[in-house]
Amino acid sequence: MTPMPKTLISQAQLRKQLRQFDRSALHAMLGRALEQLSDEQLCTVVADYLRPEDLRPDDDEPTTFAGEVLDFHQRSVRGEYYESFDYNSRNYHGQSAGTAGFIAEFTRLLERCVVASNSGAEASAEFALLFDLMDKIDECNDDIVFFADEGGAWQLYVDWRVVVPAWCTCLAKTTTAQGFADAVLNLIQNHARCQRDELVAVAASVGTPEQRAALAARG
């Protein structure tokens, strides 16, 4: 009799670990899980909590990935995710529902940009919109999202070692050598200075010879 294969993940251990995560991480993982389910499975999952008839698409709901990112950008700039809360020395690491929702949706869309780029699709405009939200958060000129402690785009915890090569693959196809170098160095300066040398090397490995030369010339 062939033995049953060992389970890779213990659900008991998973539930124990999940209790330690903040809202945004839980939202992001839930989003990943839901994307793997069929409509029938989704109905089973939400049946005791939500009415499936209330979950039908709206008439104005985006039908393309580009539309999703643009819609998210517009809603963010309008402040739809901005939700503050009274914080003190005990709960200043907490997140409002709006903050958790923003981080989860930002993370989901950025991951989809990476997947699209790695599969050969064009995602330059989508990357640019998401990076623009990061810039706006750091400029503090718009109420994009509320952070109780040391607010900034760094709290989105972007894995630049994954994002930069995917983004540069798109960027290399759509810009000049100087434009490539400027965009790469500006992004790193604004959001990933401590990884500068590593990320410049990654970008150079993706760019054309002319783009590599432009990067090298900037030091």
N, C-alpha and C. Protein backbone atom coordinates (compact mmCIF):
# COMPACT_ATOMS: atom_id res chain seq x y z
N MET A 1 0.85 -1.20 0.00
CA MET A 1 0.00 0.00 0.00
C MET A 1 0.88 1.25 0.00
N THR A 2 0.62 2.15 -0.94
CA THR A 2 1.43 3.36 -1.06
C THR A 2 1.09 4.34 0.05
N PRO A 3 2.09 4.80 0.80
CA PRO A 3 1.80 5.74 1.89
C PRO A 3 1.29 7.07 1.34
N MET A 4 0.42 7.71 2.13
CA MET A 4 -0.09 9.02 1.74
C MET A 4 1.04 10.04 1.78
N PRO A 5 1.08 10.94 0.80
CA PRO A 5 2.15 11.96 0.82
C PRO A 5 2.01 12.87 2.03
N LYS A 6 3.15 13.31 2.53
CA LYS A 6 3.14 14.19 3.70
C LYS A 6 2.56 15.56 3.33
N THR A 7 1.71 16.09 4.18
CA THR A 7 1.16 17.42 3.96
C THR A 7 2.27 18.46 4.10
N LEU A 8 2.35 19.35 3.13
CA LEU A 8 3.41 20.36 3.17
C LEU A 8 3.17 21.40 4.25
N ILE A 9 1.90 21.71 4.48
CA ILE A 9 1.57 22.74 5.45
C ILE A 9 0.51 22.21 6.42
N SER A 10 0.78 22.37 7.68
CA SER A 10 -0.20 22.02 8.71
C SER A 10 -1.17 23.18 8.88
N GLN A 11 -2.46 22.92 8.71
CA GLN A 11 -3.44 23.99 8.87
C GLN A 11 -3.45 24.52 10.30
N ALA A 12 -3.19 23.64 11.27
CA ALA A 12 -3.14 24.08 12.66
C ALA A 12 -2.00 25.07 12.86
N GLN A 13 -0.84 24.73 12.29
CA GLN A 13 0.31 25.64 12.40
C GLN A 13 0.06 26.94 11.64
N LEU A 14 -0.60 26.83 10.48
CA LEU A 14 -0.91 28.02 9.69
C LEU A 14 -1.83 28.95 10.47
N ARG A 15 -2.90 28.41 11.06
CA ARG A 15 -3.81 29.24 11.82
C ARG A 15 -3.10 29.91 12.99
N LYS A 16 -2.20 29.18 13.63
CA LYS A 16 -1.44 29.74 14.74
C LYS A 16 -0.58 30.91 14.29
N GLN A 17 0.07 30.76 13.13
CA GLN A 17 0.92 31.83 12.61
C GLN A 17 0.09 33.03 12.17
N LEU A 18 -1.06 32.76 11.57
CA LEU A 18 -1.89 33.86 11.04
C LEU A 18 -2.36 34.79 12.15
N ARG A 19 -2.54 34.26 13.35
CA ARG A 19 -3.00 35.09 14.46
C ARG A 19 -1.99 36.19 14.81
N GLN A 20 -0.76 36.07 14.33
CA GLN A 20 0.28 37.04 14.66
C GLN A 20 0.39 38.15 13.61
N PHE A 21 -0.31 38.01 12.49
CA PHE A 21 -0.17 38.98 11.41
C PHE A 21 -1.12 40.16 11.57
N ASP A 22 -0.74 41.30 10.98
CA ASP A 22 -1.63 42.46 11.00
C ASP A 22 -2.68 42.34 9.90
N ARG A 23 -3.60 43.28 9.91
CA ARG A 23 -4.73 43.22 8.99
C ARG A 23 -4.32 43.19 7.52
N SER A 24 -3.36 44.04 7.14
CA SER A 24 -3.01 44.15 5.73
C SER A 24 -2.42 42.85 5.20
N ALA A 25 -1.59 42.18 6.01
CA ALA A 25 -1.03 40.90 5.58
C ALA A 25 -2.12 39.85 5.43
N LEU A 26 -3.06 39.83 6.37
CA LEU A 26 -4.17 38.88 6.28
C LEU A 26 -5.03 39.16 5.05
N HIS A 27 -5.29 40.43 4.77
CA HIS A 27 -6.07 40.80 3.59
C HIS A 27 -5.35 40.31 2.32
N ALA A 28 -4.05 40.54 2.27
CA ALA A 28 -3.28 40.16 1.08
C ALA A 28 -3.31 38.66 0.87
N MET A 29 -3.12 37.89 1.94
CA MET A 29 -3.14 36.43 1.81
C MET A 29 -4.53 35.93 1.45
N LEU A 30 -5.55 36.56 2.03
CA LEU A 30 -6.92 36.18 1.68
C LEU A 30 -7.19 36.44 0.20
N GLY A 31 -6.71 37.59 -0.29
CA GLY A 31 -6.89 37.90 -1.70
C GLY A 31 -6.24 36.87 -2.61
N ARG A 32 -5.03 36.45 -2.26
CA ARG A 32 -4.35 35.43 -3.06
C ARG A 32 -5.16 34.13 -3.06
N ALA A 33 -5.68 33.75 -1.89
CA ALA A 33 -6.43 32.50 -1.79
C ALA A 33 -7.71 32.57 -2.61
N LEU A 34 -8.43 33.69 -2.52
CA LEU A 34 -9.71 33.81 -3.21
C LEU A 34 -9.54 33.75 -4.73
N GLU A 35 -8.41 34.26 -5.23
CA GLU A 35 -8.18 34.24 -6.67
C GLU A 35 -8.00 32.83 -7.22
N GLN A 36 -7.76 31.85 -6.32
CA GLN A 36 -7.58 30.47 -6.75
C GLN A 36 -8.91 29.70 -6.81
N LEU A 37 -10.01 30.33 -6.36
CA LEU A 37 -11.28 29.62 -6.24
C LEU A 37 -12.21 29.91 -7.41
N SER A 38 -13.03 28.93 -7.75
CA SER A 38 -14.06 29.13 -8.76
C SER A 38 -15.22 29.91 -8.15
N ASP A 39 -16.16 30.36 -8.99
CA ASP A 39 -17.32 31.08 -8.48
C ASP A 39 -18.10 30.21 -7.50
N GLU A 40 -18.23 28.93 -7.80
CA GLU A 40 -18.98 28.02 -6.92
C GLU A 40 -18.29 27.89 -5.56
N GLN A 41 -16.98 27.77 -5.58
CA GLN A 41 -16.23 27.66 -4.33
C GLN A 41 -16.31 28.96 -3.53
N LEU A 42 -16.25 30.10 -4.23
CA LEU A 42 -16.37 31.38 -3.55
C LEU A 42 -17.71 31.51 -2.84
N CYS A 43 -18.78 31.07 -3.52
CA CYS A 43 -20.11 31.13 -2.91
C CYS A 43 -20.16 30.29 -1.64
N THR A 44 -19.51 29.14 -1.65
CA THR A 44 -19.48 28.27 -0.47
C THR A 44 -18.73 28.94 0.68
N VAL A 45 -17.62 29.60 0.36
CA VAL A 45 -16.80 30.23 1.39
C VAL A 45 -17.54 31.38 2.08
N VAL A 46 -18.26 32.19 1.30
CA VAL A 46 -18.86 33.40 1.87
C VAL A 46 -20.32 33.22 2.29
N ALA A 47 -20.87 32.03 2.03
CA ALA A 47 -22.32 31.84 2.19
C ALA A 47 -22.86 32.22 3.56
N ASP A 48 -22.14 31.95 4.63
CA ASP A 48 -22.64 32.23 5.98
C ASP A 48 -22.42 33.68 6.41
N TYR A 49 -21.74 34.46 5.57
CA TYR A 49 -21.38 35.82 5.98
C TYR A 49 -21.88 36.89 5.01
N LEU A 50 -21.96 36.54 3.74
CA LEU A 50 -22.36 37.49 2.71
C LEU A 50 -23.37 36.85 1.77
N ARG A 51 -24.20 37.68 1.16
CA ARG A 51 -25.16 37.17 0.18
C ARG A 51 -24.54 37.23 -1.21
N PRO A 52 -24.41 36.11 -1.90
CA PRO A 52 -23.80 36.12 -3.24
C PRO A 52 -24.44 37.13 -4.18
N GLU A 53 -25.76 37.36 -4.04
CA GLU A 53 -26.43 38.31 -4.94
C GLU A 53 -25.93 39.74 -4.73
N ASP A 54 -25.34 40.02 -3.55
CA ASP A 54 -24.78 41.35 -3.30
C ASP A 54 -23.36 41.49 -3.84
N LEU A 55 -22.82 40.43 -4.39
CA LEU A 55 -21.44 40.43 -4.86
C LEU A 55 -21.32 40.43 -6.37
N ARG A 56 -22.42 40.66 -7.05
CA ARG A 56 -22.37 40.71 -8.50
C ARG A 56 -21.63 41.96 -8.96
N PRO A 57 -20.94 41.91 -10.11
CA PRO A 57 -20.17 43.07 -10.58
C PRO A 57 -21.05 44.30 -10.79
N ASP A 58 -20.52 45.47 -10.43
CA ASP A 58 -21.20 46.73 -10.74
C ASP A 58 -21.05 47.03 -12.22
N ASP A 59 -21.95 47.87 -12.72
CA ASP A 59 -21.90 48.23 -14.15
C ASP A 59 -20.61 48.96 -14.50
N ASP A 60 -20.07 49.72 -13.54
CA ASP A 60 -18.86 50.50 -13.82
C ASP A 60 -17.59 49.83 -13.31
N GLU A 61 -17.67 48.56 -12.94
CA GLU A 61 -16.50 47.85 -12.43
C GLU A 61 -15.49 47.61 -13.54
N PRO A 62 -14.20 47.89 -13.31
CA PRO A 62 -13.19 47.70 -14.36
C PRO A 62 -13.17 46.25 -14.86
N THR A 63 -12.99 46.10 -16.15
CA THR A 63 -12.98 44.76 -16.75
C THR A 63 -11.60 44.36 -17.24
N THR A 64 -10.61 45.25 -17.11
CA THR A 64 -9.24 44.95 -17.50
C THR A 64 -8.30 45.25 -16.34
N PHE A 65 -7.11 44.68 -16.41
CA PHE A 65 -6.13 44.94 -15.35
C PHE A 65 -5.73 46.42 -15.35
N ALA A 66 -5.53 46.99 -16.54
CA ALA A 66 -5.19 48.41 -16.61
C ALA A 66 -6.29 49.25 -15.97
N GLY A 67 -7.54 48.88 -16.20
CA GLY A 67 -8.65 49.59 -15.60
C GLY A 67 -8.69 49.44 -14.09
N GLU A 68 -8.33 48.26 -13.59
CA GLU A 68 -8.28 48.03 -12.14
C GLU A 68 -7.26 48.96 -11.48
N VAL A 69 -6.08 49.05 -12.07
CA VAL A 69 -5.02 49.87 -11.48
C VAL A 69 -5.40 51.34 -11.53
N LEU A 70 -5.94 51.79 -12.66
CA LEU A 70 -6.36 53.18 -12.78
C LEU A 70 -7.46 53.50 -11.77
N ASP A 71 -8.43 52.60 -11.63
CA ASP A 71 -9.52 52.80 -10.68
C ASP A 71 -8.99 52.87 -9.25
N PHE A 72 -8.04 51.99 -8.91
CA PHE A 72 -7.44 52.02 -7.58
C PHE A 72 -6.70 53.32 -7.34
N HIS A 73 -5.95 53.77 -8.34
CA HIS A 73 -5.21 55.03 -8.22
C HIS A 73 -6.18 56.19 -7.98
N GLN A 74 -7.25 56.25 -8.75
CA GLN A 74 -8.20 57.36 -8.63
C GLN A 74 -8.91 57.33 -7.28
N ARG A 75 -9.32 56.16 -6.84
CA ARG A 75 -9.99 56.06 -5.55
C ARG A 75 -9.05 56.41 -4.41
N SER A 76 -7.78 56.04 -4.55
CA SER A 76 -6.79 56.37 -3.51
C SER A 76 -6.57 57.86 -3.42
N VAL A 77 -6.42 58.51 -4.57
CA VAL A 77 -6.19 59.95 -4.59
C VAL A 77 -7.41 60.70 -4.04
N ARG A 78 -8.58 60.16 -4.25
CA ARG A 78 -9.80 60.78 -3.70
C ARG A 78 -9.91 60.58 -2.18
N GLY A 79 -9.03 59.77 -1.62
CA GLY A 79 -9.03 59.56 -0.17
C GLY A 79 -9.97 58.48 0.31
N GLU A 80 -10.40 57.60 -0.59
CA GLU A 80 -11.37 56.58 -0.20
C GLU A 80 -10.80 55.55 0.78
N TYR A 81 -9.47 55.43 0.84
CA TYR A 81 -8.85 54.48 1.77
C TYR A 81 -8.36 55.16 3.04
N TYR A 82 -8.43 56.50 3.06
CA TYR A 82 -7.90 57.22 4.22
C TYR A 82 -8.85 57.09 5.40
N GLU A 83 -8.39 56.45 6.46
CA GLU A 83 -9.21 56.24 7.65
C GLU A 83 -8.32 56.28 8.88
N SER A 84 -8.44 57.32 9.65
CA SER A 84 -7.61 57.46 10.83
C SER A 84 -8.26 56.79 12.03
N PHE A 85 -7.54 56.77 13.14
CA PHE A 85 -8.11 56.27 14.39
C PHE A 85 -7.35 56.90 15.55
N ASP A 86 -7.95 56.92 16.71
CA ASP A 86 -7.29 57.47 17.90
C ASP A 86 -6.22 56.48 18.37
N TYR A 87 -4.98 56.93 18.36
CA TYR A 87 -3.90 56.02 18.74
C TYR A 87 -3.12 56.58 19.93
N ASN A 88 -2.45 55.67 20.60
CA ASN A 88 -1.65 56.04 21.77
C ASN A 88 -0.42 55.15 21.81
N SER A 89 0.28 55.15 22.94
CA SER A 89 1.53 54.39 23.04
C SER A 89 1.30 52.88 22.97
N ARG A 90 0.08 52.45 23.12
CA ARG A 90 -0.20 51.01 23.09
C ARG A 90 -0.63 50.50 21.72
N ASN A 91 -1.33 51.34 20.96
CA ASN A 91 -1.89 50.84 19.70
C ASN A 91 -1.35 51.54 18.45
N TYR A 92 -0.21 52.28 18.61
CA TYR A 92 0.28 53.06 17.48
C TYR A 92 0.80 52.22 16.32
N HIS A 93 0.99 50.91 16.56
CA HIS A 93 1.38 50.03 15.46
C HIS A 93 0.16 49.47 14.73
N GLY A 94 -1.03 49.81 15.20
CA GLY A 94 -2.24 49.26 14.61
C GLY A 94 -2.56 49.87 13.25
N GLN A 95 -3.54 49.28 12.58
CA GLN A 95 -3.98 49.75 11.28
C GLN A 95 -5.50 49.90 11.28
N SER A 96 -5.97 50.97 10.65
CA SER A 96 -7.40 51.09 10.43
C SER A 96 -7.80 50.14 9.30
N ALA A 97 -9.09 49.92 9.15
CA ALA A 97 -9.58 49.06 8.06
C ALA A 97 -9.19 49.66 6.71
N GLY A 98 -9.23 51.00 6.60
CA GLY A 98 -8.86 51.64 5.34
C GLY A 98 -7.40 51.42 4.99
N THR A 99 -6.53 51.55 5.99
CA THR A 99 -5.10 51.33 5.76
C THR A 99 -4.83 49.89 5.35
N ALA A 100 -5.43 48.94 6.06
CA ALA A 100 -5.24 47.53 5.73
C ALA A 100 -5.74 47.23 4.33
N GLY A 101 -6.88 47.81 3.97
CA GLY A 101 -7.43 47.58 2.64
C GLY A 101 -6.55 48.16 1.55
N PHE A 102 -6.00 49.36 1.79
CA PHE A 102 -5.11 49.97 0.80
C PHE A 102 -3.87 49.13 0.59
N ILE A 103 -3.21 48.73 1.68
CA ILE A 103 -1.97 47.96 1.56
C ILE A 103 -2.22 46.64 0.84
N ALA A 104 -3.32 45.98 1.17
CA ALA A 104 -3.62 44.69 0.55
C ALA A 104 -3.87 44.85 -0.95
N GLU A 105 -4.63 45.89 -1.33
CA GLU A 105 -4.92 46.09 -2.75
C GLU A 105 -3.68 46.55 -3.50
N PHE A 106 -2.89 47.43 -2.89
CA PHE A 106 -1.64 47.85 -3.52
C PHE A 106 -0.73 46.65 -3.76
N THR A 107 -0.60 45.81 -2.75
CA THR A 107 0.26 44.63 -2.86
C THR A 107 -0.24 43.69 -3.95
N ARG A 108 -1.54 43.47 -3.99
CA ARG A 108 -2.12 42.56 -5.00
C ARG A 108 -1.85 43.07 -6.41
N LEU A 109 -2.08 44.35 -6.62
CA LEU A 109 -1.90 44.91 -7.97
C LEU A 109 -0.43 44.95 -8.36
N LEU A 110 0.46 45.25 -7.41
CA LEU A 110 1.89 45.25 -7.73
C LEU A 110 2.36 43.84 -8.08
N GLU A 111 1.86 42.85 -7.35
CA GLU A 111 2.21 41.46 -7.66
C GLU A 111 1.72 41.09 -9.06
N ARG A 112 0.54 41.56 -9.44
CA ARG A 112 0.03 41.28 -10.78
C ARG A 112 0.86 41.98 -11.85
N CYS A 113 1.37 43.17 -11.55
CA CYS A 113 2.28 43.84 -12.48
C CYS A 113 3.52 42.98 -12.73
N VAL A 114 4.07 42.45 -11.66
CA VAL A 114 5.27 41.62 -11.77
C VAL A 114 4.97 40.37 -12.61
N VAL A 115 3.86 39.72 -12.33
CA VAL A 115 3.48 38.52 -13.08
C VAL A 115 3.29 38.86 -14.56
N ALA A 116 2.61 39.97 -14.83
CA ALA A 116 2.38 40.37 -16.22
C ALA A 116 3.68 40.61 -16.95
N SER A 117 4.60 41.36 -16.30
CA SER A 117 5.88 41.65 -16.93
C SER A 117 6.69 40.38 -17.17
N ASN A 118 6.70 39.50 -16.19
CA ASN A 118 7.48 38.26 -16.32
C ASN A 118 6.91 37.32 -17.38
N SER A 119 5.64 37.52 -17.73
CA SER A 119 5.03 36.69 -18.77
C SER A 119 5.10 37.36 -20.14
N GLY A 120 5.76 38.52 -20.19
CA GLY A 120 5.96 39.20 -21.47
C GLY A 120 4.95 40.29 -21.78
N ALA A 121 4.00 40.53 -20.89
CA ALA A 121 3.00 41.57 -21.12
C ALA A 121 3.55 42.94 -20.75
N GLU A 122 2.93 43.98 -21.28
CA GLU A 122 3.34 45.35 -21.00
C GLU A 122 2.60 45.87 -19.77
N ALA A 123 3.36 46.36 -18.79
CA ALA A 123 2.73 46.86 -17.56
C ALA A 123 3.36 48.17 -17.09
N SER A 124 4.03 48.88 -17.99
CA SER A 124 4.73 50.11 -17.59
C SER A 124 3.78 51.13 -16.97
N ALA A 125 2.63 51.35 -17.60
CA ALA A 125 1.68 52.35 -17.10
C ALA A 125 1.15 51.96 -15.73
N GLU A 126 0.93 50.67 -15.52
CA GLU A 126 0.40 50.20 -14.25
C GLU A 126 1.44 50.35 -13.14
N PHE A 127 2.70 49.98 -13.44
CA PHE A 127 3.77 50.21 -12.47
C PHE A 127 3.84 51.71 -12.12
N ALA A 128 3.77 52.56 -13.14
CA ALA A 128 3.92 54.00 -12.92
C ALA A 128 2.84 54.54 -12.00
N LEU A 129 1.61 54.08 -12.17
CA LEU A 129 0.51 54.56 -11.32
C LEU A 129 0.72 54.14 -9.86
N LEU A 130 1.18 52.92 -9.65
CA LEU A 130 1.40 52.46 -8.29
C LEU A 130 2.59 53.19 -7.65
N PHE A 131 3.65 53.41 -8.42
CA PHE A 131 4.79 54.16 -7.89
C PHE A 131 4.39 55.61 -7.59
N ASP A 132 3.48 56.16 -8.40
CA ASP A 132 3.00 57.52 -8.16
C ASP A 132 2.29 57.62 -6.82
N LEU A 133 1.53 56.60 -6.45
CA LEU A 133 0.89 56.59 -5.13
C LEU A 133 1.93 56.58 -4.02
N MET A 134 3.00 55.83 -4.22
CA MET A 134 4.07 55.81 -3.22
C MET A 134 4.68 57.20 -3.07
N ASP A 135 4.91 57.87 -4.19
CA ASP A 135 5.48 59.23 -4.14
C ASP A 135 4.53 60.18 -3.40
N LYS A 136 3.25 60.07 -3.70
CA LYS A 136 2.27 60.95 -3.06
C LYS A 136 2.22 60.70 -1.54
N ILE A 137 2.32 59.46 -1.14
CA ILE A 137 2.33 59.15 0.30
C ILE A 137 3.53 59.82 0.97
N ASP A 138 4.69 59.73 0.33
CA ASP A 138 5.89 60.31 0.93
C ASP A 138 5.90 61.84 0.87
N GLU A 139 5.18 62.42 -0.10
CA GLU A 139 5.11 63.88 -0.18
C GLU A 139 4.18 64.46 0.88
N CYS A 140 3.30 63.61 1.41
CA CYS A 140 2.34 64.04 2.45
C CYS A 140 1.44 65.17 1.97
N ASN A 141 1.25 65.27 0.64
CA ASN A 141 0.38 66.32 0.11
C ASN A 141 -1.06 65.85 -0.06
N ASP A 142 -1.26 64.57 0.00
CA ASP A 142 -2.60 64.02 -0.21
C ASP A 142 -2.91 63.02 0.90
N ASP A 143 -4.17 62.97 1.29
CA ASP A 143 -4.59 61.99 2.28
C ASP A 143 -4.85 60.66 1.57
N ILE A 144 -3.77 59.93 1.30
CA ILE A 144 -3.89 58.66 0.59
C ILE A 144 -4.22 57.54 1.58
N VAL A 145 -3.39 57.43 2.61
CA VAL A 145 -3.55 56.35 3.58
C VAL A 145 -3.02 56.84 4.93
N PHE A 146 -3.58 56.33 6.00
CA PHE A 146 -3.22 56.80 7.34
C PHE A 146 -2.27 55.81 8.02
N PHE A 147 -1.12 56.32 8.47
CA PHE A 147 -0.20 55.54 9.28
C PHE A 147 -0.05 56.25 10.63
N ALA A 148 -0.28 55.53 11.71
CA ALA A 148 -0.21 56.15 13.02
C ALA A 148 1.23 56.45 13.43
N ASP A 149 2.17 55.66 12.95
CA ASP A 149 3.55 55.79 13.41
C ASP A 149 4.50 55.85 12.23
N GLU A 150 5.30 56.91 12.15
CA GLU A 150 6.34 57.04 11.11
C GLU A 150 5.78 56.73 9.74
N GLY A 151 4.77 57.48 9.34
CA GLY A 151 4.13 57.22 8.05
C GLY A 151 5.07 57.36 6.89
N GLY A 152 4.84 56.59 5.87
CA GLY A 152 5.64 56.66 4.66
C GLY A 152 5.42 55.43 3.81
N ALA A 153 5.79 55.55 2.54
CA ALA A 153 5.59 54.43 1.60
C ALA A 153 6.43 53.21 1.98
N TRP A 154 7.43 53.41 2.82
CA TRP A 154 8.24 52.27 3.25
C TRP A 154 7.37 51.25 3.98
N GLN A 155 6.25 51.70 4.56
CA GLN A 155 5.40 50.77 5.30
C GLN A 155 4.60 49.85 4.37
N LEU A 156 4.73 50.03 3.07
CA LEU A 156 4.11 49.09 2.13
C LEU A 156 4.97 47.84 1.95
N TYR A 157 6.21 47.91 2.40
CA TYR A 157 7.13 46.76 2.41
C TYR A 157 7.23 46.09 1.03
N VAL A 158 7.60 46.89 0.05
CA VAL A 158 7.79 46.38 -1.32
C VAL A 158 9.09 45.58 -1.39
N ASP A 159 9.04 44.41 -2.00
CA ASP A 159 10.25 43.61 -2.22
C ASP A 159 10.88 44.08 -3.53
N TRP A 160 11.76 45.04 -3.44
CA TRP A 160 12.33 45.65 -4.64
C TRP A 160 13.18 44.68 -5.44
N ARG A 161 13.73 43.65 -4.81
CA ARG A 161 14.52 42.67 -5.54
C ARG A 161 13.67 41.89 -6.53
N VAL A 162 12.38 41.83 -6.27
CA VAL A 162 11.44 41.18 -7.18
C VAL A 162 10.83 42.19 -8.15
N VAL A 163 10.49 43.36 -7.63
CA VAL A 163 9.77 44.35 -8.43
C VAL A 163 10.66 45.02 -9.47
N VAL A 164 11.88 45.41 -9.08
CA VAL A 164 12.73 46.18 -9.99
C VAL A 164 13.04 45.44 -11.30
N PRO A 165 13.46 44.18 -11.28
CA PRO A 165 13.73 43.54 -12.57
C PRO A 165 12.49 43.42 -13.45
N ALA A 166 11.33 43.16 -12.86
CA ALA A 166 10.10 43.07 -13.65
C ALA A 166 9.76 44.43 -14.24
N TRP A 167 9.84 45.47 -13.43
CA TRP A 167 9.55 46.83 -13.90
C TRP A 167 10.54 47.25 -14.99
N CYS A 168 11.82 46.96 -14.77
CA CYS A 168 12.83 47.36 -15.75
C CYS A 168 12.67 46.64 -17.08
N THR A 169 12.15 45.43 -17.04
CA THR A 169 11.88 44.71 -18.28
C THR A 169 10.89 45.48 -19.14
N CYS A 170 9.85 46.05 -18.48
CA CYS A 170 8.88 46.88 -19.20
C CYS A 170 9.51 48.21 -19.60
N LEU A 171 10.20 48.83 -18.66
CA LEU A 171 10.78 50.14 -18.88
C LEU A 171 11.77 50.14 -20.04
N ALA A 172 12.56 49.07 -20.14
CA ALA A 172 13.59 48.99 -21.18
C ALA A 172 12.98 49.03 -22.58
N LYS A 173 11.74 48.59 -22.71
CA LYS A 173 11.08 48.54 -24.02
C LYS A 173 10.43 49.86 -24.41
N THR A 174 10.27 50.75 -23.44
CA THR A 174 9.42 51.92 -23.70
C THR A 174 10.10 53.26 -23.50
N THR A 175 11.41 53.27 -23.23
CA THR A 175 12.06 54.55 -22.95
C THR A 175 13.46 54.59 -23.55
N THR A 176 13.99 55.80 -23.60
CA THR A 176 15.34 55.99 -24.11
C THR A 176 16.36 55.55 -23.08
N ALA A 177 17.61 55.54 -23.48
CA ALA A 177 18.68 55.15 -22.57
C ALA A 177 18.73 56.10 -21.37
N GLN A 178 18.67 57.41 -21.65
CA GLN A 178 18.73 58.38 -20.56
C GLN A 178 17.46 58.32 -19.70
N GLY A 179 16.33 58.13 -20.35
CA GLY A 179 15.08 58.00 -19.61
C GLY A 179 15.09 56.79 -18.70
N PHE A 180 15.67 55.70 -19.16
CA PHE A 180 15.79 54.49 -18.37
C PHE A 180 16.63 54.75 -17.13
N ALA A 181 17.80 55.36 -17.33
CA ALA A 181 18.70 55.63 -16.21
C ALA A 181 18.06 56.58 -15.20
N ASP A 182 17.40 57.62 -15.71
CA ASP A 182 16.76 58.58 -14.81
C ASP A 182 15.66 57.92 -13.97
N ALA A 183 14.83 57.13 -14.63
CA ALA A 183 13.70 56.50 -13.93
C ALA A 183 14.20 55.53 -12.87
N VAL A 184 15.19 54.72 -13.21
CA VAL A 184 15.72 53.73 -12.27
C VAL A 184 16.32 54.43 -11.05
N LEU A 185 17.16 55.41 -11.29
CA LEU A 185 17.84 56.07 -10.18
C LEU A 185 16.88 56.90 -9.33
N ASN A 186 15.87 57.49 -9.96
CA ASN A 186 14.88 58.24 -9.18
C ASN A 186 14.09 57.31 -8.27
N LEU A 187 13.67 56.18 -8.79
CA LEU A 187 12.91 55.23 -7.98
C LEU A 187 13.74 54.74 -6.80
N ILE A 188 14.98 54.39 -7.08
CA ILE A 188 15.85 53.88 -6.01
C ILE A 188 16.11 54.98 -4.97
N GLN A 189 16.36 56.20 -5.44
CA GLN A 189 16.61 57.31 -4.52
C GLN A 189 15.40 57.57 -3.62
N ASN A 190 14.22 57.47 -4.19
CA ASN A 190 13.00 57.78 -3.45
C ASN A 190 12.57 56.66 -2.49
N HIS A 191 12.82 55.41 -2.89
CA HIS A 191 12.20 54.32 -2.15
C HIS A 191 13.11 53.17 -1.74
N ALA A 192 14.34 53.11 -2.24
CA ALA A 192 15.17 51.95 -1.92
C ALA A 192 16.65 52.30 -1.87
N ARG A 193 16.96 53.42 -1.20
CA ARG A 193 18.35 53.89 -1.20
C ARG A 193 19.32 52.89 -0.59
N CYS A 194 18.86 52.17 0.43
CA CYS A 194 19.78 51.25 1.09
C CYS A 194 20.13 50.04 0.21
N GLN A 195 19.42 49.86 -0.89
CA GLN A 195 19.71 48.75 -1.80
C GLN A 195 20.25 49.27 -3.14
N ARG A 196 20.77 50.47 -3.14
CA ARG A 196 21.10 51.14 -4.40
C ARG A 196 22.01 50.30 -5.30
N ASP A 197 23.15 49.89 -4.80
CA ASP A 197 24.12 49.20 -5.65
C ASP A 197 23.54 47.90 -6.22
N GLU A 198 22.86 47.16 -5.37
CA GLU A 198 22.27 45.89 -5.80
C GLU A 198 21.22 46.12 -6.89
N LEU A 199 20.36 47.12 -6.71
CA LEU A 199 19.27 47.34 -7.65
C LEU A 199 19.74 47.98 -8.95
N VAL A 200 20.76 48.82 -8.87
CA VAL A 200 21.34 49.37 -10.11
C VAL A 200 21.92 48.24 -10.95
N ALA A 201 22.59 47.29 -10.31
CA ALA A 201 23.15 46.14 -11.04
C ALA A 201 22.03 45.30 -11.67
N VAL A 202 20.94 45.12 -10.94
CA VAL A 202 19.80 44.36 -11.48
C VAL A 202 19.23 45.09 -12.69
N ALA A 203 19.03 46.40 -12.57
CA ALA A 203 18.49 47.17 -13.69
C ALA A 203 19.41 47.10 -14.90
N ALA A 204 20.71 47.20 -14.67
CA ALA A 204 21.67 47.14 -15.77
C ALA A 204 21.61 45.81 -16.49
N SER A 205 21.38 44.74 -15.75
CA SER A 205 21.33 43.41 -16.36
C SER A 205 20.11 43.23 -17.27
N VAL A 206 19.09 44.07 -17.07
CA VAL A 206 17.86 43.97 -17.85
C VAL A 206 17.89 44.92 -19.05
N GLY A 207 18.56 46.06 -18.91
CA GLY A 207 18.55 47.09 -19.94
C GLY A 207 19.37 46.74 -21.16
N THR A 208 19.21 47.56 -22.18
CA THR A 208 20.00 47.43 -23.40
C THR A 208 21.43 47.92 -23.13
N PRO A 209 22.36 47.67 -24.05
CA PRO A 209 23.73 48.19 -23.86
C PRO A 209 23.74 49.71 -23.67
N GLU A 210 22.90 50.42 -24.43
CA GLU A 210 22.85 51.87 -24.30
C GLU A 210 22.31 52.29 -22.93
N GLN A 211 21.30 51.57 -22.46
CA GLN A 211 20.73 51.88 -21.15
C GLN A 211 21.73 51.56 -20.03
N ARG A 212 22.47 50.48 -20.18
CA ARG A 212 23.51 50.15 -19.19
C ARG A 212 24.57 51.24 -19.16
N ALA A 213 24.93 51.73 -20.32
CA ALA A 213 25.94 52.78 -20.39
C ALA A 213 25.45 54.07 -19.73
N ALA A 214 24.19 54.38 -19.93
CA ALA A 214 23.61 55.58 -19.31
C ALA A 214 23.58 55.44 -17.79
N LEU A 215 23.26 54.26 -17.30
CA LEU A 215 23.30 54.02 -15.86
C LEU A 215 24.71 54.17 -15.32
N ALA A 216 25.68 53.56 -16.02
CA ALA A 216 27.06 53.64 -15.57
C ALA A 216 27.57 55.05 -15.53
N ALA A 217 27.13 55.86 -16.51
CA ALA A 217 27.59 57.25 -16.59
C ALA A 217 27.09 58.07 -15.41
N ARG A 218 25.93 57.66 -14.85
CA ARG A 218 25.38 58.36 -13.70
C ARG A 218 26.01 57.91 -12.39
N GLY A 219 26.87 56.87 -12.48
CA GLY A 219 27.53 56.39 -11.27
C GLY A 219 26.63 55.56 -10.42
